[in-house]
Amino acid sequence: MTSSPSIAPKTPLGVGSIVSNSFSILFRNIVAVMIVAFVPSFIGLLMSAGMNGASATLGLAVGDPFGTGSVTTIILGIILQLGIQGLTIALLVQLAYDAKLGRPITPGAYIPPALKSIVPIVVLSLVIGILATIGFMLLIIPGLLVYAVYCVTTPAIMIERVGFGGMTRSASLTKEYRWPIVGVLILLGICTFGLTIVTSFLVAAIVPIIGLNFVGFGLGLVLSALMAGFTYGLSGIGAALIYARLRDIKEGVSVDKLAAVFD
């Protein structure tokens, strides 16, 4: 009688731990996170307003003295936002590891490494965004799976300097852990979606009262940038922690070794 070889159980990703640590790092370093995430979000929204008009940028169906956006400029605005998101996450990857290790948070020091990898990060962020959009049009779940497969693309580019191979590296790392990663994305997404709804309601309620003038537009822009900064902050930190956990499980690489890349 022969006995079949035992198969070691797969090491769990630790969905609850990643989610709780993401919130913990975010709120313990909220000022630094908002500096890192708010500034590019604000600049991106301002540039989008220049291309698409103020009302389109703020999501308002009101008269727009700043001009109206054509289909082309709206698409360019979406591309710009995806690029800003990729850059912001590149900055937050470094912040997350410093925070995880209890090291000083130095936003200015995160810019040079991010700029070195900016081209593949922005291009691949656009590709992932397009694929995810197509996936969400196919009943949502395919879109979540796209994000699960490629969610550690930016951390892989930042840490391993894989350039345009970031998507391939992410697909390899996330293999066998994509459904748990979907769980992380859903839990983090519930919070950011709720914040987006509240912020959109505030902008829609306050700006028409003030009017779409300099003050009204400025207030709406700041609220939208704060919302985007919080969203990018949470998603960027979550991506960094997912990447660190996958490297630890699959390759035995600890967070301190990952962070040492930036020293």
C-alpha atoms as a PDB file:
ATOM      1  CA  MET A   1       0.000   0.000   0.000  1.00  0.00           C
ATOM      2  CA  THR A   2       1.442   3.355  -1.004  1.00  0.00           C
ATOM      3  CA  SER A   3       0.641   6.625   0.652  1.00  0.00           C
ATOM      4  CA  SER A   4       0.195   9.745  -1.411  1.00  0.00           C
ATOM      5  CA  PRO A   5       2.662  12.525  -0.653  1.00  0.00           C
ATOM      6  CA  SER A   6       1.356  15.182   1.692  1.00  0.00           C
ATOM      7  CA  ILE A   7       0.926  18.648   0.262  1.00  0.00           C
ATOM      8  CA  ALA A   8       1.818  21.500   2.546  1.00  0.00           C
ATOM      9  CA  PRO A   9      -1.066  23.959   2.994  1.00  0.00           C
ATOM     10  CA  LYS A  10      -0.686  27.271   1.237  1.00  0.00           C
ATOM     11  CA  THR A  11       0.458  30.058   3.536  1.00  0.00           C
ATOM     12  CA  PRO A  12      -2.466  32.480   3.941  1.00  0.00           C
ATOM     13  CA  LEU A  13      -2.108  35.998   2.655  1.00  0.00           C
ATOM     14  CA  GLY A  14      -3.534  37.504   5.828  1.00  0.00           C
ATOM     15  CA  VAL A  15      -6.318  39.686   4.449  1.00  0.00           C
ATOM     16  CA  GLY A  16      -7.352  41.061   7.839  1.00  0.00           C
ATOM     17  CA  SER A  17      -3.778  41.917   8.787  1.00  0.00           C
ATOM     18  CA  ILE A  18      -3.095  43.749   5.513  1.00  0.00           C
ATOM     19  CA  VAL A  19      -6.309  45.770   5.782  1.00  0.00           C
ATOM     20  CA  SER A  20      -5.775  46.684   9.445  1.00  0.00           C
ATOM     21  CA  ASN A  21      -2.121  47.583   8.868  1.00  0.00           C
ATOM     22  CA  SER A  22      -3.093  49.718   5.865  1.00  0.00           C
ATOM     23  CA  PHE A  23      -5.470  51.771   7.994  1.00  0.00           C
ATOM     24  CA  SER A  24      -2.996  51.867  10.874  1.00  0.00           C
ATOM     25  CA  ILE A  25      -0.163  53.218   8.711  1.00  0.00           C
ATOM     26  CA  LEU A  26      -2.528  55.683   7.033  1.00  0.00           C
ATOM     27  CA  PHE A  27      -3.921  57.205  10.221  1.00  0.00           C
ATOM     28  CA  ARG A  28      -0.628  57.159  12.167  1.00  0.00           C
ATOM     29  CA  ASN A  29       0.990  59.101   9.319  1.00  0.00           C
ATOM     30  CA  ILE A  30      -2.035  60.958   7.990  1.00  0.00           C
ATOM     31  CA  VAL A  31      -0.261  64.312   7.597  1.00  0.00           C
ATOM     32  CA  ALA A  32       2.671  62.822   5.658  1.00  0.00           C
ATOM     33  CA  VAL A  33       0.350  60.649   3.565  1.00  0.00           C
ATOM     34  CA  MET A  34      -1.825  63.608   2.646  1.00  0.00           C
ATOM     35  CA  ILE A  35       1.236  65.677   1.734  1.00  0.00           C
ATOM     36  CA  VAL A  36       2.489  62.900  -0.533  1.00  0.00           C
ATOM     37  CA  ALA A  37      -0.927  62.100  -2.022  1.00  0.00           C
ATOM     38  CA  PHE A  38      -2.772  65.452  -1.902  1.00  0.00           C
ATOM     39  CA  VAL A  39      -0.249  67.562  -3.817  1.00  0.00           C
ATOM     40  CA  PRO A  40      -0.116  65.451  -7.027  1.00  0.00           C
ATOM     41  CA  SER A  41      -3.884  64.893  -6.799  1.00  0.00           C
ATOM     42  CA  PHE A  42      -4.491  68.642  -6.583  1.00  0.00           C
ATOM     43  CA  ILE A  43      -2.155  69.372  -9.513  1.00  0.00           C
ATOM     44  CA  GLY A  44      -3.771  66.620 -11.574  1.00  0.00           C
ATOM     45  CA  LEU A  45      -7.278  67.959 -10.930  1.00  0.00           C
ATOM     46  CA  LEU A  46      -6.161  71.488 -11.752  1.00  0.00           C
ATOM     47  CA  MET A  47      -4.698  70.327 -15.068  1.00  0.00           C
ATOM     48  CA  SER A  48      -7.854  68.329 -15.766  1.00  0.00           C
ATOM     49  CA  ALA A  49      -9.940  71.438 -15.134  1.00  0.00           C
ATOM     50  CA  GLY A  50      -7.827  73.309 -17.662  1.00  0.00           C
ATOM     51  CA  MET A  51      -8.547  70.653 -20.285  1.00  0.00           C
ATOM     52  CA  ASN A  52     -12.115  69.622 -19.448  1.00  0.00           C
ATOM     53  CA  GLY A  53     -13.575  72.575 -17.587  1.00  0.00           C
ATOM     54  CA  ALA A  54     -14.351  73.069 -13.914  1.00  0.00           C
ATOM     55  CA  SER A  55     -17.797  71.440 -13.850  1.00  0.00           C
ATOM     56  CA  ALA A  56     -16.614  68.294 -15.635  1.00  0.00           C
ATOM     57  CA  THR A  57     -13.659  67.967 -13.244  1.00  0.00           C
ATOM     58  CA  LEU A  58     -15.864  68.394 -10.166  1.00  0.00           C
ATOM     59  CA  GLY A  59     -18.664  66.240 -11.582  1.00  0.00           C
ATOM     60  CA  LEU A  60     -21.189  69.058 -11.551  1.00  0.00           C
ATOM     61  CA  ALA A  61     -23.999  69.562 -14.057  1.00  0.00           C
ATOM     62  CA  VAL A  62     -23.903  73.346 -13.842  1.00  0.00           C
ATOM     63  CA  GLY A  63     -22.821  76.147 -16.095  1.00  0.00           C
ATOM     64  CA  ASP A  64     -19.075  76.179 -16.587  1.00  0.00           C
ATOM     65  CA  PRO A  65     -17.381  79.562 -16.996  1.00  0.00           C
ATOM     66  CA  PHE A  66     -13.999  77.822 -17.238  1.00  0.00           C
ATOM     67  CA  GLY A  67     -14.880  76.129 -20.521  1.00  0.00           C
ATOM     68  CA  THR A  68     -16.293  72.772 -21.514  1.00  0.00           C
ATOM     69  CA  GLY A  69     -14.355  69.640 -22.310  1.00  0.00           C
ATOM     70  CA  SER A  70     -14.550  67.768 -25.590  1.00  0.00           C
ATOM     71  CA  VAL A  71     -14.447  63.995 -25.791  1.00  0.00           C
ATOM     72  CA  THR A  72     -10.729  64.173 -26.577  1.00  0.00           C
ATOM     73  CA  THR A  73      -9.872  66.365 -23.595  1.00  0.00           C
ATOM     74  CA  ILE A  74     -12.027  64.245 -21.285  1.00  0.00           C
ATOM     75  CA  ILE A  75     -10.064  61.175 -22.358  1.00  0.00           C
ATOM     76  CA  LEU A  76      -6.803  63.071 -21.862  1.00  0.00           C
ATOM     77  CA  GLY A  77      -8.027  64.060 -18.394  1.00  0.00           C
ATOM     78  CA  ILE A  78      -8.691  60.421 -17.520  1.00  0.00           C
ATOM     79  CA  ILE A  79      -5.226  59.462 -18.782  1.00  0.00           C
ATOM     80  CA  LEU A  80      -3.733  62.263 -16.680  1.00  0.00           C
ATOM     81  CA  GLN A  81      -5.503  61.045 -13.552  1.00  0.00           C
ATOM     82  CA  LEU A  82      -4.298  57.480 -14.083  1.00  0.00           C
ATOM     83  CA  GLY A  83      -0.755  58.768 -14.519  1.00  0.00           C
ATOM     84  CA  ILE A  84      -1.007  60.871 -11.341  1.00  0.00           C
ATOM     85  CA  GLN A  85      -2.325  57.824  -9.488  1.00  0.00           C
ATOM     86  CA  GLY A  86       0.650  55.737 -10.614  1.00  0.00           C
ATOM     87  CA  LEU A  87       3.149  58.396  -9.513  1.00  0.00           C
ATOM     88  CA  THR A  88       1.408  58.878  -6.161  1.00  0.00           C
ATOM     89  CA  ILE A  89       1.459  55.157  -5.407  1.00  0.00           C
ATOM     90  CA  ALA A  90       5.163  55.093  -6.287  1.00  0.00           C
ATOM     91  CA  LEU A  91       5.744  57.708  -3.585  1.00  0.00           C
ATOM     92  CA  LEU A  92       3.510  55.918  -1.085  1.00  0.00           C
ATOM     93  CA  VAL A  93       5.292  52.584  -1.520  1.00  0.00           C
ATOM     94  CA  GLN A  94       8.388  54.134   0.010  1.00  0.00           C
ATOM     95  CA  LEU A  95       6.399  55.855   2.757  1.00  0.00           C
ATOM     96  CA  ALA A  96       4.641  52.608   3.686  1.00  0.00           C
ATOM     97  CA  TYR A  97       7.898  50.716   4.208  1.00  0.00           C
ATOM     98  CA  ASP A  98       9.457  53.506   6.255  1.00  0.00           C
ATOM     99  CA  ALA A  99       6.316  53.617   8.407  1.00  0.00           C
ATOM    100  CA  LYS A 100       6.239  49.825   8.752  1.00  0.00           C
ATOM    101  CA  LEU A 101       9.842  49.826   9.980  1.00  0.00           C
ATOM    102  CA  GLY A 102       9.387  52.834  12.259  1.00  0.00           C
ATOM    103  CA  ARG A 103      11.805  54.938  10.218  1.00  0.00           C
ATOM    104  CA  PRO A 104      11.444  58.720   9.699  1.00  0.00           C
ATOM    105  CA  ILE A 105       8.960  59.752   7.009  1.00  0.00           C
ATOM    106  CA  THR A 106      10.763  61.969   4.474  1.00  0.00           C
ATOM    107  CA  PRO A 107       8.433  62.847   1.562  1.00  0.00           C
ATOM    108  CA  GLY A 108      11.107  64.827  -0.288  1.00  0.00           C
ATOM    109  CA  ALA A 109      13.400  61.805  -0.417  1.00  0.00           C
ATOM    110  CA  TYR A 110      10.726  59.717  -2.175  1.00  0.00           C
ATOM    111  CA  ILE A 111      10.607  61.896  -5.289  1.00  0.00           C
ATOM    112  CA  PRO A 112      13.939  60.992  -7.013  1.00  0.00           C
ATOM    113  CA  PRO A 113      13.386  57.182  -6.922  1.00  0.00           C
ATOM    114  CA  ALA A 114       9.818  57.655  -8.163  1.00  0.00           C
ATOM    115  CA  LEU A 115      10.919  59.906 -11.019  1.00  0.00           C
ATOM    116  CA  LYS A 116      13.530  57.349 -12.119  1.00  0.00           C
ATOM    117  CA  SER A 117      10.732  54.864 -12.764  1.00  0.00           C
ATOM    118  CA  ILE A 118       8.049  57.327 -13.837  1.00  0.00           C
ATOM    119  CA  VAL A 119       7.763  56.284 -17.503  1.00  0.00           C
ATOM    120  CA  PRO A 120       6.990  52.548 -16.999  1.00  0.00           C
ATOM    121  CA  ILE A 121       4.825  53.356 -13.963  1.00  0.00           C
ATOM    122  CA  VAL A 122       2.649  55.825 -15.865  1.00  0.00           C
ATOM    123  CA  VAL A 123       2.431  53.741 -19.061  1.00  0.00           C
ATOM    124  CA  LEU A 124       1.580  50.522 -17.224  1.00  0.00           C
ATOM    125  CA  SER A 125      -0.880  52.349 -14.950  1.00  0.00           C
ATOM    126  CA  LEU A 126      -2.705  53.456 -18.090  1.00  0.00           C
ATOM    127  CA  VAL A 127      -2.715  49.925 -19.502  1.00  0.00           C
ATOM    128  CA  ILE A 128      -4.009  48.467 -16.227  1.00  0.00           C
ATOM    129  CA  GLY A 129      -6.638  51.188 -15.985  1.00  0.00           C
ATOM    130  CA  ILE A 130      -7.911  50.422 -19.492  1.00  0.00           C
ATOM    131  CA  LEU A 131      -7.985  46.665 -18.828  1.00  0.00           C
ATOM    132  CA  ALA A 132      -9.773  47.172 -15.508  1.00  0.00           C
ATOM    133  CA  THR A 133     -12.331  49.493 -17.111  1.00  0.00           C
ATOM    134  CA  ILE A 134     -13.111  46.853 -19.728  1.00  0.00           C
ATOM    135  CA  GLY A 135     -13.333  44.284 -16.915  1.00  0.00           C
ATOM    136  CA  PHE A 136     -15.751  46.408 -14.883  1.00  0.00           C
ATOM    137  CA  MET A 137     -17.950  46.749 -17.963  1.00  0.00           C
ATOM    138  CA  LEU A 138     -18.157  42.929 -17.910  1.00  0.00           C
ATOM    139  CA  LEU A 139     -20.101  42.729 -14.627  1.00  0.00           C
ATOM    140  CA  ILE A 140     -17.466  44.135 -12.199  1.00  0.00           C
ATOM    141  CA  ILE A 141     -15.769  40.871 -11.096  1.00  0.00           C
ATOM    142  CA  PRO A 142     -13.391  40.727 -14.116  1.00  0.00           C
ATOM    143  CA  GLY A 143     -12.325  44.288 -13.303  1.00  0.00           C
ATOM    144  CA  LEU A 144     -11.514  43.334  -9.707  1.00  0.00           C
ATOM    145  CA  LEU A 145      -9.522  40.349 -10.956  1.00  0.00           C
ATOM    146  CA  VAL A 146      -7.529  42.610 -13.283  1.00  0.00           C
ATOM    147  CA  TYR A 147      -6.597  44.793 -10.321  1.00  0.00           C
ATOM    148  CA  ALA A 148      -5.794  41.705  -8.242  1.00  0.00           C
ATOM    149  CA  VAL A 149      -3.449  40.358 -10.920  1.00  0.00           C
ATOM    150  CA  TYR A 150      -1.627  43.659 -11.439  1.00  0.00           C
ATOM    151  CA  CYS A 151      -1.993  45.362  -8.045  1.00  0.00           C
ATOM    152  CA  VAL A 152       1.727  45.110  -7.187  1.00  0.00           C
ATOM    153  CA  THR A 153       3.013  46.368 -10.534  1.00  0.00           C
ATOM    154  CA  THR A 154       4.200  49.710  -9.144  1.00  0.00           C
ATOM    155  CA  PRO A 155       5.881  48.217  -6.040  1.00  0.00           C
ATOM    156  CA  ALA A 156       7.659  45.704  -8.288  1.00  0.00           C
ATOM    157  CA  ILE A 157       8.917  48.512 -10.531  1.00  0.00           C
ATOM    158  CA  MET A 158      10.043  50.583  -7.552  1.00  0.00           C
ATOM    159  CA  ILE A 159      11.717  47.787  -5.576  1.00  0.00           C
ATOM    160  CA  GLU A 160      13.039  45.458  -8.279  1.00  0.00           C
ATOM    161  CA  ARG A 161      13.596  47.977 -11.082  1.00  0.00           C
ATOM    162  CA  VAL A 162      11.849  45.656 -13.560  1.00  0.00           C
ATOM    163  CA  GLY A 163      10.646  48.558 -15.719  1.00  0.00           C
ATOM    164  CA  PHE A 164       8.055  47.556 -18.294  1.00  0.00           C
ATOM    165  CA  GLY A 165       8.187  44.003 -16.926  1.00  0.00           C
ATOM    166  CA  GLY A 166       6.202  45.199 -13.904  1.00  0.00           C
ATOM    167  CA  MET A 167       2.907  43.697 -15.033  1.00  0.00           C
ATOM    168  CA  THR A 168       4.506  40.318 -15.727  1.00  0.00           C
ATOM    169  CA  ARG A 169       6.223  40.359 -12.329  1.00  0.00           C
ATOM    170  CA  SER A 170       2.968  41.311 -10.608  1.00  0.00           C
ATOM    171  CA  ALA A 171       1.086  38.504 -12.363  1.00  0.00           C
ATOM    172  CA  SER A 172       3.724  36.041 -11.170  1.00  0.00           C
ATOM    173  CA  LEU A 173       3.683  37.236  -7.551  1.00  0.00           C
ATOM    174  CA  THR A 174      -0.109  37.346  -7.257  1.00  0.00           C
ATOM    175  CA  LYS A 175      -0.616  33.876  -8.740  1.00  0.00           C
ATOM    176  CA  GLU A 176      -2.548  31.605  -6.317  1.00  0.00           C
ATOM    177  CA  TYR A 177      -3.435  34.624  -4.125  1.00  0.00           C
ATOM    178  CA  ARG A 178      -5.724  36.597  -6.402  1.00  0.00           C
ATOM    179  CA  TRP A 179      -9.017  35.893  -4.646  1.00  0.00           C
ATOM    180  CA  PRO A 180      -7.625  36.882  -1.222  1.00  0.00           C
ATOM    181  CA  ILE A 181      -6.264  40.024  -2.885  1.00  0.00           C
ATOM    182  CA  VAL A 182      -9.758  40.706  -4.272  1.00  0.00           C
ATOM    183  CA  GLY A 183     -10.933  40.486  -0.659  1.00  0.00           C
ATOM    184  CA  VAL A 184      -8.389  43.141   0.365  1.00  0.00           C
ATOM    185  CA  LEU A 185      -9.406  45.368  -2.543  1.00  0.00           C
ATOM    186  CA  ILE A 186     -13.095  45.072  -1.691  1.00  0.00           C
ATOM    187  CA  LEU A 187     -12.565  45.898   1.991  1.00  0.00           C
ATOM    188  CA  LEU A 188     -10.381  48.904   1.221  1.00  0.00           C
ATOM    189  CA  GLY A 189     -12.685  49.897  -1.625  1.00  0.00           C
ATOM    190  CA  ILE A 190     -15.763  49.988   0.603  1.00  0.00           C
ATOM    191  CA  CYS A 191     -14.148  52.685   2.731  1.00  0.00           C
ATOM    192  CA  THR A 192     -12.884  54.763  -0.182  1.00  0.00           C
ATOM    193  CA  PHE A 193     -16.192  54.402  -2.045  1.00  0.00           C
ATOM    194  CA  GLY A 194     -18.081  55.672   0.988  1.00  0.00           C
ATOM    195  CA  LEU A 195     -15.735  58.639   1.277  1.00  0.00           C
ATOM    196  CA  THR A 196     -16.125  59.363  -2.436  1.00  0.00           C
ATOM    197  CA  ILE A 197     -19.919  59.418  -2.106  1.00  0.00           C
ATOM    198  CA  VAL A 198     -19.758  61.793   0.886  1.00  0.00           C
ATOM    199  CA  THR A 199     -17.251  64.092  -0.825  1.00  0.00           C
ATOM    200  CA  SER A 200     -19.240  64.146  -4.077  1.00  0.00           C
ATOM    201  CA  PHE A 201     -22.373  65.022  -2.099  1.00  0.00           C
ATOM    202  CA  LEU A 202     -20.588  67.868  -0.314  1.00  0.00           C
ATOM    203  CA  VAL A 203     -19.179  69.259  -3.556  1.00  0.00           C
ATOM    204  CA  ALA A 204     -22.583  68.996  -5.280  1.00  0.00           C
ATOM    205  CA  ALA A 205     -24.288  70.667  -2.317  1.00  0.00           C
ATOM    206  CA  ILE A 206     -21.807  73.442  -1.495  1.00  0.00           C
ATOM    207  CA  VAL A 207     -20.341  74.593  -4.819  1.00  0.00           C
ATOM    208  CA  PRO A 208     -23.679  75.509  -6.513  1.00  0.00           C
ATOM    209  CA  ILE A 209     -24.558  77.623  -3.452  1.00  0.00           C
ATOM    210  CA  ILE A 210     -21.289  79.547  -3.612  1.00  0.00           C
ATOM    211  CA  GLY A 211     -21.271  79.498  -7.391  1.00  0.00           C
ATOM    212  CA  LEU A 212     -18.690  78.122  -9.780  1.00  0.00           C
ATOM    213  CA  ASN A 213     -16.442  81.124  -9.230  1.00  0.00           C
ATOM    214  CA  PHE A 214     -12.884  81.216  -7.925  1.00  0.00           C
ATOM    215  CA  VAL A 215     -13.937  80.461  -4.332  1.00  0.00           C
ATOM    216  CA  GLY A 216     -16.455  77.748  -5.220  1.00  0.00           C
ATOM    217  CA  PHE A 217     -14.135  76.064  -7.682  1.00  0.00           C
ATOM    218  CA  GLY A 218     -11.217  76.270  -5.241  1.00  0.00           C
ATOM    219  CA  LEU A 219     -13.229  74.710  -2.423  1.00  0.00           C
ATOM    220  CA  GLY A 220     -14.524  71.933  -4.671  1.00  0.00           C
ATOM    221  CA  LEU A 221     -11.014  71.290  -5.948  1.00  0.00           C
ATOM    222  CA  VAL A 222      -9.560  71.031  -2.433  1.00  0.00           C
ATOM    223  CA  LEU A 223     -12.323  68.659  -1.274  1.00  0.00           C
ATOM    224  CA  SER A 224     -11.885  66.484  -4.365  1.00  0.00           C
ATOM    225  CA  ALA A 225      -8.096  66.445  -3.953  1.00  0.00           C
ATOM    226  CA  LEU A 226      -8.427  65.486  -0.286  1.00  0.00           C
ATOM    227  CA  MET A 227     -10.728  62.625  -1.257  1.00  0.00           C
ATOM    228  CA  ALA A 228      -8.361  61.501  -4.020  1.00  0.00           C
ATOM    229  CA  GLY A 229      -5.390  61.810  -1.666  1.00  0.00           C
ATOM    230  CA  PHE A 230      -7.062  59.615   0.946  1.00  0.00           C
ATOM    231  CA  THR A 231      -8.054  57.073  -1.711  1.00  0.00           C
ATOM    232  CA  TYR A 232      -4.579  56.973  -3.236  1.00  0.00           C
ATOM    233  CA  GLY A 233      -3.053  56.825   0.229  1.00  0.00           C
ATOM    234  CA  LEU A 234      -5.037  53.799   1.292  1.00  0.00           C
ATOM    235  CA  SER A 235      -4.676  51.962  -2.024  1.00  0.00           C
ATOM    236  CA  GLY A 236      -0.956  52.752  -2.282  1.00  0.00           C
ATOM    237  CA  ILE A 237      -0.207  51.556   1.233  1.00  0.00           C
ATOM    238  CA  GLY A 238      -2.338  48.463   0.647  1.00  0.00           C
ATOM    239  CA  ALA A 239      -0.438  47.647  -2.567  1.00  0.00           C
ATOM    240  CA  ALA A 240       2.900  48.041  -0.772  1.00  0.00           C
ATOM    241  CA  LEU A 241       1.822  45.702   2.026  1.00  0.00           C
ATOM    242  CA  ILE A 242       0.412  43.109  -0.400  1.00  0.00           C
ATOM    243  CA  TYR A 243       3.701  43.156  -2.304  1.00  0.00           C
ATOM    244  CA  ALA A 244       5.734  42.803   0.896  1.00  0.00           C
ATOM    245  CA  ARG A 245       3.578  39.908   2.081  1.00  0.00           C
ATOM    246  CA  LEU A 246       3.841  38.075  -1.259  1.00  0.00           C
ATOM    247  CA  ARG A 247       7.629  38.505  -1.354  1.00  0.00           C
ATOM    248  CA  ASP A 248       7.822  37.191   2.203  1.00  0.00           C
ATOM    249  CA  ILE A 249       5.602  34.155   1.483  1.00  0.00           C
ATOM    250  CA  LYS A 250       7.088  33.194  -1.866  1.00  0.00           C
ATOM    251  CA  GLU A 251      10.701  34.306  -1.602  1.00  0.00           C
ATOM    252  CA  GLY A 252      11.431  34.854   2.077  1.00  0.00           C
ATOM    253  CA  VAL A 253      12.255  38.543   1.557  1.00  0.00           C
ATOM    254  CA  SER A 254      11.452  40.707   4.591  1.00  0.00           C
ATOM    255  CA  VAL A 255      10.221  44.296   4.619  1.00  0.00           C
ATOM    256  CA  ASP A 256      13.564  45.653   5.848  1.00  0.00           C
ATOM    257  CA  LYS A 257      15.306  44.121   2.823  1.00  0.00           C
ATOM    258  CA  LEU A 258      12.727  45.684   0.510  1.00  0.00           C
ATOM    259  CA  ALA A 259      13.149  49.109   2.111  1.00  0.00           C
ATOM    260  CA  ALA A 260      16.938  48.848   1.912  1.00  0.00           C
ATOM    261  CA  VAL A 261      16.646  49.433  -1.843  1.00  0.00           C
ATOM    262  CA  PHE A 262      16.034  53.134  -1.139  1.00  0.00           C
ATOM    263  CA  ASP A 263      18.942  53.598   1.284  1.00  0.00           C
END
